[in-house]
PDB file of all heavy atoms in Angstrom:
ATOM      1  N   ASP A   1     150.272 120.384 166.029  1.00  0.00           N
ATOM      2  CA  ASP A   1     150.604 121.676 165.427  1.00  0.00           C
ATOM      3  C   ASP A   1     149.287 122.397 165.144  1.00  0.00           C
ATOM      4  O   ASP A   1     148.491 121.941 164.327  1.00  0.00           O
ATOM      5  CB  ASP A   1     151.391 121.426 164.132  1.00  0.00           C
ATOM      6  CG  ASP A   1     151.843 122.709 163.456  1.00  0.00           C
ATOM      7  OD1 ASP A   1     151.645 123.786 164.020  1.00  0.00           O
ATOM      8  OD2 ASP A   1     152.389 122.611 162.338  1.00  0.00           O
ATOM      9  N   TYR A   2     149.058 123.524 165.806  1.00  0.00           N
ATOM     10  CA  TYR A   2     147.734 124.158 165.794  1.00  0.00           C
ATOM     11  C   TYR A   2     147.875 125.672 165.679  1.00  0.00           C
ATOM     12  O   TYR A   2     148.477 126.303 166.550  1.00  0.00           O
ATOM     13  CB  TYR A   2     147.012 123.779 167.097  1.00  0.00           C
ATOM     14  CG  TYR A   2     145.607 124.289 167.286  1.00  0.00           C
ATOM     15  CD1 TYR A   2     144.673 124.278 166.265  1.00  0.00           C
ATOM     16  CD2 TYR A   2     145.200 124.758 168.536  1.00  0.00           C
ATOM     17  CE1 TYR A   2     143.375 124.720 166.474  1.00  0.00           C
ATOM     18  CE2 TYR A   2     143.910 125.196 168.771  1.00  0.00           C
ATOM     19  CZ  TYR A   2     142.999 125.175 167.731  1.00  0.00           C
ATOM     20  OH  TYR A   2     141.716 125.608 167.948  1.00  0.00           O
ATOM     21  N   GLY A   3     147.352 126.223 164.609  1.00  0.00           N
ATOM     22  CA  GLY A   3     147.402 127.667 164.425  1.00  0.00           C
ATOM     23  C   GLY A   3     146.146 128.385 164.866  1.00  0.00           C
ATOM     24  O   GLY A   3     146.049 129.612 164.725  1.00  0.00           O
ATOM     25  N   GLY A   4     145.180 127.626 165.406  1.00  0.00           N
ATOM     26  CA  GLY A   4     143.887 128.220 165.732  1.00  0.00           C
ATOM     27  C   GLY A   4     143.601 128.370 167.207  1.00  0.00           C
ATOM     28  O   GLY A   4     142.433 128.526 167.599  1.00  0.00           O
ATOM     29  N   ALA A   5     144.618 128.328 168.053  1.00  0.00           N
ATOM     30  CA  ALA A   5     144.385 128.568 169.477  1.00  0.00           C
ATOM     31  C   ALA A   5     143.881 130.000 169.683  1.00  0.00           C
ATOM     32  O   ALA A   5     144.276 130.921 168.962  1.00  0.00           O
ATOM     33  CB  ALA A   5     145.670 128.346 170.269  1.00  0.00           C
ATOM     34  N   ALA A   6     143.020 130.179 170.660  1.00  0.00           N
ATOM     35  CA  ALA A   6     142.462 131.505 170.911  1.00  0.00           C
ATOM     36  C   ALA A   6     143.556 132.533 171.180  1.00  0.00           C
ATOM     37  O   ALA A   6     143.464 133.686 170.742  1.00  0.00           O
ATOM     38  CB  ALA A   6     141.497 131.442 172.099  1.00  0.00           C
ATOM     39  N   GLU A   7     144.615 132.105 171.877  1.00  0.00           N
ATOM     40  CA  GLU A   7     145.705 133.020 172.215  1.00  0.00           C
ATOM     41  C   GLU A   7     146.487 133.451 170.970  1.00  0.00           C
ATOM     42  O   GLU A   7     147.205 134.455 170.994  1.00  0.00           O
ATOM     43  CB  GLU A   7     146.650 132.358 173.223  1.00  0.00           C
ATOM     44  CG  GLU A   7     146.049 132.182 174.605  1.00  0.00           C
ATOM     45  CD  GLU A   7     145.211 130.915 174.738  1.00  0.00           C
ATOM     46  OE1 GLU A   7     144.948 130.235 173.714  1.00  0.00           O
ATOM     47  OE2 GLU A   7     144.811 130.604 175.869  1.00  0.00           O
ATOM     48  N   SER A   8     146.358 132.689 169.878  1.00  0.00           N
ATOM     49  CA  SER A   8     146.995 133.063 168.614  1.00  0.00           C
ATOM     50  C   SER A   8     146.075 133.898 167.730  1.00  0.00           C
ATOM     51  O   SER A   8     146.495 134.878 167.114  1.00  0.00           O
ATOM     52  CB  SER A   8     147.416 131.798 167.831  1.00  0.00           C
ATOM     53  OG  SER A   8     148.412 131.075 168.490  1.00  0.00           O
ATOM     54  N   ILE A   9     144.808 133.500 167.683  1.00  0.00           N
ATOM     55  CA  ILE A   9     143.859 134.099 166.746  1.00  0.00           C
ATOM     56  C   ILE A   9     143.352 135.464 167.207  1.00  0.00           C
ATOM     57  O   ILE A   9     143.289 136.427 166.421  1.00  0.00           O
ATOM     58  CB  ILE A   9     142.648 133.164 166.541  1.00  0.00           C
ATOM     59  CG1 ILE A   9     143.065 131.899 165.792  1.00  0.00           C
ATOM     60  CG2 ILE A   9     141.510 133.875 165.806  1.00  0.00           C
ATOM     61  CD1 ILE A   9     143.432 132.125 164.353  1.00  0.00           C
ATOM     62  N   LEU A  10     142.986 135.574 168.462  1.00  0.00           N
ATOM     63  CA  LEU A  10     142.186 136.716 168.895  1.00  0.00           C
ATOM     64  C   LEU A  10     142.940 138.024 169.116  1.00  0.00           C
ATOM     65  O   LEU A  10     142.378 139.096 168.830  1.00  0.00           O
ATOM     66  CB  LEU A  10     141.400 136.343 170.152  1.00  0.00           C
ATOM     67  CG  LEU A  10     140.376 135.218 169.950  1.00  0.00           C
ATOM     68  CD1 LEU A  10     139.628 134.946 171.245  1.00  0.00           C
ATOM     69  CD2 LEU A  10     139.402 135.564 168.822  1.00  0.00           C
ATOM     70  N   PRO A  11     144.169 138.020 169.631  1.00  0.00           N
ATOM     71  CA  PRO A  11     144.833 139.322 169.827  1.00  0.00           C
ATOM     72  C   PRO A  11     144.986 140.086 168.515  1.00  0.00           C
ATOM     73  O   PRO A  11     145.649 139.644 167.581  1.00  0.00           O
ATOM     74  CB  PRO A  11     146.202 138.934 170.399  1.00  0.00           C
ATOM     75  CG  PRO A  11     145.992 137.607 171.038  1.00  0.00           C
ATOM     76  CD  PRO A  11     145.003 136.909 170.160  1.00  0.00           C
ATOM     77  N   GLY A  12     144.305 141.204 168.420  1.00  0.00           N
ATOM     78  CA  GLY A  12     144.412 142.046 167.236  1.00  0.00           C
ATOM     79  C   GLY A  12     143.721 141.511 166.001  1.00  0.00           C
ATOM     80  O   GLY A  12     143.998 141.983 164.879  1.00  0.00           O
ATOM     81  N   PHE A  13     142.784 140.551 166.148  1.00  0.00           N
ATOM     82  CA  PHE A  13     142.135 139.983 164.971  1.00  0.00           C
ATOM     83  C   PHE A  13     141.333 141.050 164.219  1.00  0.00           C
ATOM     84  O   PHE A  13     140.513 141.749 164.794  1.00  0.00           O
ATOM     85  CB  PHE A  13     141.200 138.838 165.365  1.00  0.00           C
ATOM     86  CG  PHE A  13     140.538 138.173 164.179  1.00  0.00           C
ATOM     87  CD1 PHE A  13     141.182 137.165 163.498  1.00  0.00           C
ATOM     88  CD2 PHE A  13     139.280 138.583 163.740  1.00  0.00           C
ATOM     89  CE1 PHE A  13     140.596 136.549 162.402  1.00  0.00           C
ATOM     90  CE2 PHE A  13     138.675 137.979 162.655  1.00  0.00           C
ATOM     91  CZ  PHE A  13     139.333 136.960 161.983  1.00  0.00           C
ATOM     92  N   THR A  14     141.589 141.149 162.919  1.00  0.00           N
ATOM     93  CA  THR A  14     140.860 142.115 162.092  1.00  0.00           C
ATOM     94  C   THR A  14     140.282 141.481 160.827  1.00  0.00           C
ATOM     95  O   THR A  14     139.673 142.173 160.015  1.00  0.00           O
ATOM     96  CB  THR A  14     141.788 143.267 161.664  1.00  0.00           C
ATOM     97  OG1 THR A  14     142.919 142.736 160.958  1.00  0.00           O
ATOM     98  CG2 THR A  14     142.256 144.065 162.876  1.00  0.00           C
ATOM     99  N   GLY A  15     140.469 140.170 160.663  1.00  0.00           N
ATOM    100  CA  GLY A  15     139.994 139.550 159.427  1.00  0.00           C
ATOM    101  C   GLY A  15     140.906 139.919 158.281  1.00  0.00           C
ATOM    102  O   GLY A  15     142.116 139.753 158.358  1.00  0.00           O
ATOM    103  N   GLY A  16     140.338 140.453 157.219  1.00  0.00           N
ATOM    104  CA  GLY A  16     141.138 140.906 156.094  1.00  0.00           C
ATOM    105  C   GLY A  16     141.208 139.891 154.971  1.00  0.00           C
ATOM    106  O   GLY A  16     140.660 138.788 155.049  1.00  0.00           O
ATOM    107  N   GLU A  17     141.902 140.269 153.902  1.00  0.00           N
ATOM    108  CA  GLU A  17     142.013 139.449 152.714  1.00  0.00           C
ATOM    109  C   GLU A  17     143.476 139.280 152.330  1.00  0.00           C
ATOM    110  O   GLU A  17     144.293 140.173 152.553  1.00  0.00           O
ATOM    111  CB  GLU A  17     141.239 140.077 151.546  1.00  0.00           C
ATOM    112  CG  GLU A  17     139.749 140.238 151.822  1.00  0.00           C
ATOM    113  CD  GLU A  17     139.015 140.873 150.654  1.00  0.00           C
ATOM    114  OE1 GLU A  17     139.690 141.244 149.670  1.00  0.00           O
ATOM    115  OE2 GLU A  17     137.780 140.999 150.731  1.00  0.00           O
ATOM    116  N   ASP A  18     143.813 138.104 151.772  1.00  0.00           N
ATOM    117  CA  ASP A  18     145.163 137.816 151.304  1.00  0.00           C
ATOM    118  C   ASP A  18     145.086 137.116 149.965  1.00  0.00           C
ATOM    119  O   ASP A  18     144.089 136.458 149.635  1.00  0.00           O
ATOM    120  CB  ASP A  18     145.922 136.900 152.285  1.00  0.00           C
ATOM    121  CG  ASP A  18     146.203 137.567 153.613  1.00  0.00           C
ATOM    122  OD1 ASP A  18     146.757 138.674 153.598  1.00  0.00           O
ATOM    123  OD2 ASP A  18     145.860 136.974 154.648  1.00  0.00           O
ATOM    124  N   THR A  19     146.161 137.233 149.201  1.00  0.00           N
ATOM    125  CA  THR A  19     146.307 136.478 147.962  1.00  0.00           C
ATOM    126  C   THR A  19     147.664 135.785 147.987  1.00  0.00           C
ATOM    127  O   THR A  19     148.679 136.408 148.301  1.00  0.00           O
ATOM    128  CB  THR A  19     146.219 137.386 146.724  1.00  0.00           C
ATOM    129  OG1 THR A  19     144.929 138.008 146.697  1.00  0.00           O
ATOM    130  CG2 THR A  19     146.401 136.578 145.445  1.00  0.00           C
ATOM    131  N   MET A  20     147.657 134.482 147.715  1.00  0.00           N
ATOM    132  CA  MET A  20     148.888 133.701 147.671  1.00  0.00           C
ATOM    133  C   MET A  20     148.950 132.956 146.346  1.00  0.00           C
ATOM    134  O   MET A  20     147.919 132.644 145.748  1.00  0.00           O
ATOM    135  CB  MET A  20     148.923 132.702 148.834  1.00  0.00           C
ATOM    136  CG  MET A  20     148.866 133.335 150.209  1.00  0.00           C
ATOM    137  SD  MET A  20     148.699 132.100 151.547  1.00  0.00           S
ATOM    138  CE  MET A  20     146.942 131.672 151.381  1.00  0.00           C
ATOM    139  N   ALA A  21     150.169 132.670 145.891  1.00  0.00           N
ATOM    140  CA  ALA A  21     150.329 131.965 144.625  1.00  0.00           C
ATOM    141  C   ALA A  21     151.527 131.045 144.689  1.00  0.00           C
ATOM    142  O   ALA A  21     152.527 131.332 145.370  1.00  0.00           O
ATOM    143  CB  ALA A  21     150.500 132.950 143.471  1.00  0.00           C
ATOM    144  N   THR A  22     151.425 129.927 144.013  1.00  0.00           N
ATOM    145  CA  THR A  22     152.546 129.022 143.815  1.00  0.00           C
ATOM    146  C   THR A  22     152.403 128.411 142.431  1.00  0.00           C
ATOM    147  O   THR A  22     151.405 127.751 142.127  1.00  0.00           O
ATOM    148  CB  THR A  22     152.613 127.932 144.910  1.00  0.00           C
ATOM    149  OG1 THR A  22     153.686 127.042 144.619  1.00  0.00           O
ATOM    150  CG2 THR A  22     151.321 127.166 145.040  1.00  0.00           C
ATOM    151  N   GLY A  23     153.379 128.702 141.565  1.00  0.00           N
ATOM    152  CA  GLY A  23     153.271 128.263 140.183  1.00  0.00           C
ATOM    153  C   GLY A  23     152.048 128.864 139.527  1.00  0.00           C
ATOM    154  O   GLY A  23     151.810 130.076 139.624  1.00  0.00           O
ATOM    155  N   ASP A  24     151.236 128.018 138.892  1.00  0.00           N
ATOM    156  CA  ASP A  24     150.052 128.514 138.191  1.00  0.00           C
ATOM    157  C   ASP A  24     148.793 128.467 139.053  1.00  0.00           C
ATOM    158  O   ASP A  24     147.689 128.670 138.540  1.00  0.00           O
ATOM    159  CB  ASP A  24     149.830 127.709 136.902  1.00  0.00           C
ATOM    160  CG  ASP A  24     149.613 126.223 137.162  1.00  0.00           C
ATOM    161  OD1 ASP A  24     149.864 125.769 138.291  1.00  0.00           O
ATOM    162  OD2 ASP A  24     149.195 125.512 136.224  1.00  0.00           O
ATOM    163  N   ILE A  25     148.938 128.225 140.351  1.00  0.00           N
ATOM    164  CA  ILE A  25     147.784 128.197 141.247  1.00  0.00           C
ATOM    165  C   ILE A  25     147.789 129.435 142.133  1.00  0.00           C
ATOM    166  O   ILE A  25     148.798 129.761 142.761  1.00  0.00           O
ATOM    167  CB  ILE A  25     147.779 126.943 142.144  1.00  0.00           C
ATOM    168  CG1 ILE A  25     147.768 125.672 141.302  1.00  0.00           C
ATOM    169  CG2 ILE A  25     146.566 126.966 143.080  1.00  0.00           C
ATOM    170  CD1 ILE A  25     147.821 124.394 142.116  1.00  0.00           C
ATOM    171  N   THR A  26     146.653 130.114 142.173  1.00  0.00           N
ATOM    172  CA  THR A  26     146.472 131.297 143.020  1.00  0.00           C
ATOM    173  C   THR A  26     145.309 131.043 143.971  1.00  0.00           C
ATOM    174  O   THR A  26     144.311 130.413 143.595  1.00  0.00           O
ATOM    175  CB  THR A  26     146.174 132.540 142.168  1.00  0.00           C
ATOM    176  OG1 THR A  26     147.259 132.774 141.282  1.00  0.00           O
ATOM    177  CG2 THR A  26     145.961 133.762 143.039  1.00  0.00           C
ATOM    178  N   VAL A  27     145.445 131.509 145.213  1.00  0.00           N
ATOM    179  CA  VAL A  27     144.343 131.402 146.153  1.00  0.00           C
ATOM    180  C   VAL A  27     144.101 132.770 146.781  1.00  0.00           C
ATOM    181  O   VAL A  27     145.027 133.455 147.207  1.00  0.00           O
ATOM    182  CB  VAL A  27     144.618 130.337 147.232  1.00  0.00           C
ATOM    183  CG1 VAL A  27     145.879 130.646 148.029  1.00  0.00           C
ATOM    184  CG2 VAL A  27     143.423 130.223 148.180  1.00  0.00           C
ATOM    185  N   GLU A  28     142.836 133.163 146.785  1.00  0.00           N
ATOM    186  CA  GLU A  28     142.393 134.370 147.470  1.00  0.00           C
ATOM    187  C   GLU A  28     141.643 133.928 148.727  1.00  0.00           C
ATOM    188  O   GLU A  28     140.797 133.042 148.663  1.00  0.00           O
ATOM    189  CB  GLU A  28     141.474 135.190 146.567  1.00  0.00           C
ATOM    190  CG  GLU A  28     142.126 135.626 145.264  1.00  0.00           C
ATOM    191  CD  GLU A  28     141.135 136.214 144.291  1.00  0.00           C
ATOM    192  OE1 GLU A  28     139.952 136.369 144.665  1.00  0.00           O
ATOM    193  OE2 GLU A  28     141.524 136.501 143.150  1.00  0.00           O
ATOM    194  N   VAL A  29     141.965 134.531 149.860  1.00  0.00           N
ATOM    195  CA  VAL A  29     141.330 134.124 151.109  1.00  0.00           C
ATOM    196  C   VAL A  29     140.893 135.353 151.897  1.00  0.00           C
ATOM    197  O   VAL A  29     141.618 136.350 151.973  1.00  0.00           O
ATOM    198  CB  VAL A  29     142.285 133.238 151.954  1.00  0.00           C
ATOM    199  CG1 VAL A  29     143.602 133.958 152.240  1.00  0.00           C
ATOM    200  CG2 VAL A  29     141.627 132.802 153.254  1.00  0.00           C
ATOM    201  N   SER A  30     139.699 135.284 152.459  1.00  0.00           N
ATOM    202  CA  SER A  30     139.217 136.310 153.380  1.00  0.00           C
ATOM    203  C   SER A  30     138.760 135.614 154.654  1.00  0.00           C
ATOM    204  O   SER A  30     138.282 134.473 154.619  1.00  0.00           O
ATOM    205  CB  SER A  30     138.052 137.104 152.771  1.00  0.00           C
ATOM    206  OG  SER A  30     136.947 136.262 152.498  1.00  0.00           O
ATOM    207  N   ARG A  31     138.921 136.309 155.792  1.00  0.00           N
ATOM    208  CA  ARG A  31     138.648 135.691 157.083  1.00  0.00           C
ATOM    209  C   ARG A  31     137.673 136.531 157.897  1.00  0.00           C
ATOM    210  O   ARG A  31     137.706 137.761 157.851  1.00  0.00           O
ATOM    211  CB  ARG A  31     139.955 135.499 157.867  1.00  0.00           C
ATOM    212  CG  ARG A  31     140.972 134.604 157.166  1.00  0.00           C
ATOM    213  CD  ARG A  31     142.270 134.514 157.949  1.00  0.00           C
ATOM    214  NE  ARG A  31     143.247 133.655 157.281  1.00  0.00           N
ATOM    215  CZ  ARG A  31     144.105 134.074 156.355  1.00  0.00           C
ATOM    216  NH1 ARG A  31     144.113 135.351 155.998  1.00  0.00           N
ATOM    217  NH2 ARG A  31     144.941 133.222 155.790  1.00  0.00           N
ATOM    218  N   GLU A  32     136.845 135.847 158.654  1.00  0.00           N
ATOM    219  CA  GLU A  32     135.947 136.509 159.593  1.00  0.00           C
ATOM    220  C   GLU A  32     135.847 135.656 160.854  1.00  0.00           C
ATOM    221  O   GLU A  32     136.178 134.470 160.842  1.00  0.00           O
ATOM    222  CB  GLU A  32     134.565 136.724 158.975  1.00  0.00           C
ATOM    223  CG  GLU A  32     133.868 135.445 158.537  1.00  0.00           C
ATOM    224  CD  GLU A  32     132.486 135.707 157.955  1.00  0.00           C
ATOM    225  OE1 GLU A  32     131.720 136.447 158.610  1.00  0.00           O
ATOM    226  OE2 GLU A  32     132.180 135.180 156.877  1.00  0.00           O
ATOM    227  N   TYR A  33     135.388 136.286 161.937  1.00  0.00           N
ATOM    228  CA  TYR A  33     135.298 135.580 163.208  1.00  0.00           C
ATOM    229  C   TYR A  33     133.865 135.562 163.700  1.00  0.00           C
ATOM    230  O   TYR A  33     133.210 136.609 163.817  1.00  0.00           O
ATOM    231  CB  TYR A  33     136.198 136.225 164.262  1.00  0.00           C
ATOM    232  CG  TYR A  33     136.350 135.367 165.492  1.00  0.00           C
ATOM    233  CD1 TYR A  33     137.207 134.268 165.483  1.00  0.00           C
ATOM    234  CD2 TYR A  33     135.624 135.627 166.649  1.00  0.00           C
ATOM    235  CE1 TYR A  33     137.343 133.461 166.599  1.00  0.00           C
ATOM    236  CE2 TYR A  33     135.760 134.823 167.772  1.00  0.00           C
ATOM    237  CZ  TYR A  33     136.617 133.737 167.744  1.00  0.00           C
ATOM    238  OH  TYR A  33     136.745 132.932 168.847  1.00  0.00           O
ATOM    239  N   ASP A  34     133.360 134.360 163.966  1.00  0.00           N
ATOM    240  CA  ASP A  34     132.016 134.155 164.497  1.00  0.00           C
ATOM    241  C   ASP A  34     132.115 134.142 166.024  1.00  0.00           C
ATOM    242  O   ASP A  34     132.481 133.142 166.631  1.00  0.00           O
ATOM    243  CB  ASP A  34     131.469 132.831 163.961  1.00  0.00           C
ATOM    244  CG  ASP A  34     130.068 132.508 164.450  1.00  0.00           C
ATOM    245  OD1 ASP A  34     129.604 133.128 165.421  1.00  0.00           O
ATOM    246  OD2 ASP A  34     129.427 131.605 163.866  1.00  0.00           O
ATOM    247  N   VAL A  35     131.798 135.279 166.640  1.00  0.00           N
ATOM    248  CA  VAL A  35     131.972 135.438 168.084  1.00  0.00           C
ATOM    249  C   VAL A  35     131.068 134.491 168.862  1.00  0.00           C
ATOM    250  O   VAL A  35     131.496 133.873 169.850  1.00  0.00           O
ATOM    251  CB  VAL A  35     131.700 136.902 168.494  1.00  0.00           C
ATOM    252  CG1 VAL A  35     131.759 137.047 170.006  1.00  0.00           C
ATOM    253  CG2 VAL A  35     132.706 137.835 167.836  1.00  0.00           C
ATOM    254  N   ALA A  36     129.832 134.342 168.432  1.00  0.00           N
ATOM    255  CA  ALA A  36     128.870 133.540 169.190  1.00  0.00           C
ATOM    256  C   ALA A  36     129.266 132.074 169.270  1.00  0.00           C
ATOM    257  O   ALA A  36     128.941 131.387 170.244  1.00  0.00           O
ATOM    258  CB  ALA A  36     127.484 133.670 168.565  1.00  0.00           C
ATOM    259  N   ASN A  37     129.978 131.589 168.260  1.00  0.00           N
ATOM    260  CA  ASN A  37     130.327 130.167 168.209  1.00  0.00           C
ATOM    261  C   ASN A  37     131.829 129.898 168.302  1.00  0.00           C
ATOM    262  O   ASN A  37     132.256 128.751 168.181  1.00  0.00           O
ATOM    263  CB  ASN A  37     129.780 129.555 166.915  1.00  0.00           C
ATOM    264  CG  ASN A  37     128.276 129.572 166.862  1.00  0.00           C
ATOM    265  OD1 ASN A  37     127.606 128.895 167.641  1.00  0.00           O
ATOM    266  ND2 ASN A  37     127.716 130.365 165.946  1.00  0.00           N
ATOM    267  N   SER A  38     132.633 130.946 168.495  1.00  0.00           N
ATOM    268  CA  SER A  38     134.096 130.815 168.590  1.00  0.00           C
ATOM    269  C   SER A  38     134.658 130.068 167.387  1.00  0.00           C
ATOM    270  O   SER A  38     135.361 129.064 167.508  1.00  0.00           O
ATOM    271  CB  SER A  38     134.501 130.106 169.891  1.00  0.00           C
ATOM    272  OG  SER A  38     134.107 130.869 171.007  1.00  0.00           O
ATOM    273  N   LEU A  39     134.352 130.610 166.213  1.00  0.00           N
ATOM    274  CA  LEU A  39     134.793 130.012 164.958  1.00  0.00           C
ATOM    275  C   LEU A  39     135.515 131.035 164.104  1.00  0.00           C
ATOM    276  O   LEU A  39     135.078 132.186 164.004  1.00  0.00           O
ATOM    277  CB  LEU A  39     133.606 129.469 164.153  1.00  0.00           C
ATOM    278  CG  LEU A  39     132.746 128.377 164.795  1.00  0.00           C
ATOM    279  CD1 LEU A  39     131.509 128.133 163.936  1.00  0.00           C
ATOM    280  CD2 LEU A  39     133.540 127.099 164.955  1.00  0.00           C
ATOM    281  N   GLN A  40     136.603 130.628 163.476  1.00  0.00           N
ATOM    282  CA  GLN A  40     137.200 131.434 162.418  1.00  0.00           C
ATOM    283  C   GLN A  40     136.788 130.832 161.082  1.00  0.00           C
ATOM    284  O   GLN A  40     137.002 129.643 160.841  1.00  0.00           O
ATOM    285  CB  GLN A  40     138.722 131.472 162.496  1.00  0.00           C
ATOM    286  CG  GLN A  40     139.328 132.274 161.340  1.00  0.00           C
ATOM    287  CD  GLN A  40     140.836 132.324 161.361  1.00  0.00           C
ATOM    288  OE1 GLN A  40     141.420 133.138 162.056  1.00  0.00           O
ATOM    289  NE2 GLN A  40     141.470 131.457 160.589  1.00  0.00           N
ATOM    290  N   LEU A  41     136.196 131.643 160.226  1.00  0.00           N
ATOM    291  CA  LEU A  41     135.774 131.212 158.900  1.00  0.00           C
ATOM    292  C   LEU A  41     136.740 131.783 157.873  1.00  0.00           C
ATOM    293  O   LEU A  41     136.933 133.004 157.802  1.00  0.00           O
ATOM    294  CB  LEU A  41     134.349 131.684 158.587  1.00  0.00           C
ATOM    295  CG  LEU A  41     133.208 130.896 159.250  1.00  0.00           C
ATOM    296  CD1 LEU A  41     133.143 131.193 160.749  1.00  0.00           C
ATOM    297  CD2 LEU A  41     131.873 131.227 158.602  1.00  0.00           C
ATOM    298  N   SER A  42     137.362 130.899 157.115  1.00  0.00           N
ATOM    299  CA  SER A  42     138.291 131.300 156.058  1.00  0.00           C
ATOM    300  C   SER A  42     137.673 130.937 154.722  1.00  0.00           C
ATOM    301  O   SER A  42     137.453 129.755 154.424  1.00  0.00           O
ATOM    302  CB  SER A  42     139.644 130.600 156.227  1.00  0.00           C
ATOM    303  OG  SER A  42     140.256 130.979 157.438  1.00  0.00           O
ATOM    304  N   HIS A  43     137.391 131.952 153.916  1.00  0.00           N
ATOM    305  CA  HIS A  43     136.741 131.754 152.615  1.00  0.00           C
ATOM    306  C   HIS A  43     137.816 131.735 151.527  1.00  0.00           C
ATOM    307  O   HIS A  43     138.519 132.734 151.323  1.00  0.00           O
ATOM    308  CB  HIS A  43     135.736 132.869 152.348  1.00  0.00           C
ATOM    309  CG  HIS A  43     134.745 133.071 153.458  1.00  0.00           C
ATOM    310  ND1 HIS A  43     133.722 132.179 153.714  1.00  0.00           N
ATOM    311  CD2 HIS A  43     134.641 134.050 154.403  1.00  0.00           C
ATOM    312  CE1 HIS A  43     133.014 132.609 154.744  1.00  0.00           C
ATOM    313  NE2 HIS A  43     133.550 133.739 155.183  1.00  0.00           N
ATOM    314  N   TYR A  44     137.952 130.606 150.823  1.00  0.00           N
ATOM    315  CA  TYR A  44     139.006 130.418 149.832  1.00  0.00           C
ATOM    316  C   TYR A  44     138.440 130.397 148.416  1.00  0.00           C
ATOM    317  O   TYR A  44     137.345 129.867 148.174  1.00  0.00           O
ATOM    318  CB  TYR A  44     139.729 129.090 150.061  1.00  0.00           C
ATOM    319  CG  TYR A  44     140.547 129.010 151.330  1.00  0.00           C
ATOM    320  CD1 TYR A  44     140.021 128.456 152.491  1.00  0.00           C
ATOM    321  CD2 TYR A  44     141.863 129.461 151.356  1.00  0.00           C
ATOM    322  CE1 TYR A  44     140.773 128.366 153.651  1.00  0.00           C
ATOM    323  CE2 TYR A  44     142.631 129.382 152.513  1.00  0.00           C
ATOM    324  CZ  TYR A  44     142.074 128.827 153.649  1.00  0.00           C
ATOM    325  OH  TYR A  44     142.833 128.749 154.790  1.00  0.00           O
TER     326      TYR A  44
END
């Protein structure tokens, strides 16, 4: 089960920020793409 295939990640990739919560835990995440190394960086 893989959410990071290039065919999934790259079409329309814009990065952006999200906030998710469950109970008393909240997570803020922002994403960027390292083109030179083919990496998605998710900052939590």
